[in-house]
Amino acid sequence: MRKALGLSKRDKIYYSIQLNGQVIMSKAAQSEDDPVLGQFLDFIVEDIRNNPLHIQAISSDLFNRVQSLITDVEFDLDSPLSDEDE
């Protein structure tokens, strides 16, 4: 069914059930907004407003540790994820 509708891995299916019991399926329109991400970002904004003194810079030790972990990692943000990565 996904192949017949031309759906990618994360595409959604829209369906409608008619009065006679017939089911009509189509590719759902994609929304650019992610409601969960939006709610999370709103939460972060509110937390920063209410607790500005909680904001801290990361330590140079942590920064250096992260840098050492990703030094040889190559990635392309524009390339699609493989099946194993999703």
C-alpha atoms as a PDB file:
ATOM      1  CA  MET A   1       0.000   0.000   0.000  1.00  0.00           C
ATOM      2  CA  ARG A   2       2.804   2.424   0.897  1.00  0.00           C
ATOM      3  CA  LYS A   3       4.482   1.745  -2.441  1.00  0.00           C
ATOM      4  CA  ALA A   4       1.231   2.263  -4.355  1.00  0.00           C
ATOM      5  CA  LEU A   5       0.744   5.649  -2.648  1.00  0.00           C
ATOM      6  CA  GLY A   6       4.391   6.617  -3.176  1.00  0.00           C
ATOM      7  CA  LEU A   7       5.049   7.016   0.535  1.00  0.00           C
ATOM      8  CA  SER A   8       8.460   7.407   2.100  1.00  0.00           C
ATOM      9  CA  LYS A   9       9.344   5.868   5.450  1.00  0.00           C
ATOM     10  CA  ARG A  10       8.021   8.712   7.606  1.00  0.00           C
ATOM     11  CA  ASP A  11       5.083   9.770   5.420  1.00  0.00           C
ATOM     12  CA  LYS A  12       1.624   9.441   6.927  1.00  0.00           C
ATOM     13  CA  ILE A  13      -1.501   7.880   5.480  1.00  0.00           C
ATOM     14  CA  TYR A  14      -4.850   9.678   5.465  1.00  0.00           C
ATOM     15  CA  TYR A  15      -7.943   7.516   5.224  1.00  0.00           C
ATOM     16  CA  SER A  16     -11.650   8.153   5.093  1.00  0.00           C
ATOM     17  CA  ILE A  17     -14.413   5.602   5.645  1.00  0.00           C
ATOM     18  CA  GLN A  18     -17.446   6.194   3.433  1.00  0.00           C
ATOM     19  CA  LEU A  19     -21.034   5.477   4.505  1.00  0.00           C
ATOM     20  CA  ASN A  20     -21.059   2.343   2.337  1.00  0.00           C
ATOM     21  CA  GLY A  21     -17.977   1.015   4.178  1.00  0.00           C
ATOM     22  CA  GLN A  22     -15.553   1.839   1.376  1.00  0.00           C
ATOM     23  CA  VAL A  23     -12.168   3.052   2.630  1.00  0.00           C
ATOM     24  CA  ILE A  24     -10.326   5.737   0.692  1.00  0.00           C
ATOM     25  CA  MET A  25      -6.616   6.071   1.425  1.00  0.00           C
ATOM     26  CA  SER A  26      -4.184   8.766   0.321  1.00  0.00           C
ATOM     27  CA  LYS A  27      -0.908  10.336   1.295  1.00  0.00           C
ATOM     28  CA  ALA A  28      -1.483  12.776   4.151  1.00  0.00           C
ATOM     29  CA  ALA A  29      -0.387  16.362   3.654  1.00  0.00           C
ATOM     30  CA  GLN A  30       2.878  16.989   5.446  1.00  0.00           C
ATOM     31  CA  SER A  31       2.997  19.619   8.112  1.00  0.00           C
ATOM     32  CA  GLU A  32       6.237  21.527   8.489  1.00  0.00           C
ATOM     33  CA  ASP A  33       5.518  22.072  12.180  1.00  0.00           C
ATOM     34  CA  ASP A  34       6.279  19.382  14.711  1.00  0.00           C
ATOM     35  CA  PRO A  35       3.831  19.918  17.609  1.00  0.00           C
ATOM     36  CA  VAL A  36       5.967  17.974  20.089  1.00  0.00           C
ATOM     37  CA  LEU A  37       9.084  19.940  19.191  1.00  0.00           C
ATOM     38  CA  GLY A  38       7.110  23.186  19.415  1.00  0.00           C
ATOM     39  CA  GLN A  39       5.844  22.293  22.889  1.00  0.00           C
ATOM     40  CA  PHE A  40       9.347  21.347  24.005  1.00  0.00           C
ATOM     41  CA  LEU A  41      10.791  24.628  22.724  1.00  0.00           C
ATOM     42  CA  ASP A  42       7.985  26.558  24.461  1.00  0.00           C
ATOM     43  CA  PHE A  43       8.852  24.717  27.682  1.00  0.00           C
ATOM     44  CA  ILE A  44      12.541  25.645  27.312  1.00  0.00           C
ATOM     45  CA  VAL A  45      11.689  29.302  26.650  1.00  0.00           C
ATOM     46  CA  GLU A  46       9.453  29.424  29.713  1.00  0.00           C
ATOM     47  CA  ASP A  47      12.077  27.722  31.890  1.00  0.00           C
ATOM     48  CA  ILE A  48      14.751  30.202  30.782  1.00  0.00           C
ATOM     49  CA  ARG A  49      12.388  33.107  31.514  1.00  0.00           C
ATOM     50  CA  ASN A  50      11.530  31.779  34.966  1.00  0.00           C
ATOM     51  CA  ASN A  51      15.022  30.575  35.907  1.00  0.00           C
ATOM     52  CA  PRO A  52      17.640  32.656  34.076  1.00  0.00           C
ATOM     53  CA  LEU A  53      20.260  31.903  36.730  1.00  0.00           C
ATOM     54  CA  HIS A  54      20.113  28.189  35.864  1.00  0.00           C
ATOM     55  CA  ILE A  55      21.800  28.838  32.515  1.00  0.00           C
ATOM     56  CA  GLN A  56      25.446  27.837  32.609  1.00  0.00           C
ATOM     57  CA  ALA A  57      28.212  27.543  30.065  1.00  0.00           C
ATOM     58  CA  ILE A  58      29.580  24.066  29.546  1.00  0.00           C
ATOM     59  CA  SER A  59      33.003  23.467  30.986  1.00  0.00           C
ATOM     60  CA  SER A  60      36.059  23.366  28.761  1.00  0.00           C
ATOM     61  CA  ASP A  61      36.631  19.765  29.938  1.00  0.00           C
ATOM     62  CA  LEU A  62      33.208  18.698  28.681  1.00  0.00           C
ATOM     63  CA  PHE A  63      33.684  20.601  25.432  1.00  0.00           C
ATOM     64  CA  ASN A  64      37.071  18.944  24.848  1.00  0.00           C
ATOM     65  CA  ARG A  65      35.638  15.501  25.689  1.00  0.00           C
ATOM     66  CA  VAL A  66      32.831  15.920  23.144  1.00  0.00           C
ATOM     67  CA  GLN A  67      35.300  17.179  20.534  1.00  0.00           C
ATOM     68  CA  SER A  68      37.494  14.123  21.094  1.00  0.00           C
ATOM     69  CA  LEU A  69      34.505  11.824  20.568  1.00  0.00           C
ATOM     70  CA  ILE A  70      33.464  13.364  17.242  1.00  0.00           C
ATOM     71  CA  THR A  71      36.811  14.302  15.714  1.00  0.00           C
ATOM     72  CA  ASP A  72      36.827  11.487  13.134  1.00  0.00           C
ATOM     73  CA  VAL A  73      33.059  11.324  12.610  1.00  0.00           C
ATOM     74  CA  GLU A  74      31.951  12.369   9.129  1.00  0.00           C
ATOM     75  CA  PHE A  75      28.351  13.306   8.424  1.00  0.00           C
ATOM     76  CA  ASP A  76      26.256  15.168   5.902  1.00  0.00           C
ATOM     77  CA  LEU A  77      23.173  16.882   7.345  1.00  0.00           C
ATOM     78  CA  ASP A  78      21.620  17.020   3.878  1.00  0.00           C
ATOM     79  CA  SER A  79      21.823  13.296   3.129  1.00  0.00           C
ATOM     80  CA  PRO A  80      18.854  11.057   3.974  1.00  0.00           C
ATOM     81  CA  LEU A  81      19.147   8.588   6.843  1.00  0.00           C
ATOM     82  CA  SER A  82      19.730   4.957   5.957  1.00  0.00           C
ATOM     83  CA  ASP A  83      17.193   2.328   7.130  1.00  0.00           C
ATOM     84  CA  GLU A  84      19.576   1.377   9.959  1.00  0.00           C
ATOM     85  CA  ASP A  85      19.754   4.979  11.199  1.00  0.00           C
ATOM     86  CA  GLU A  86      16.010   5.627  11.404  1.00  0.00           C
END
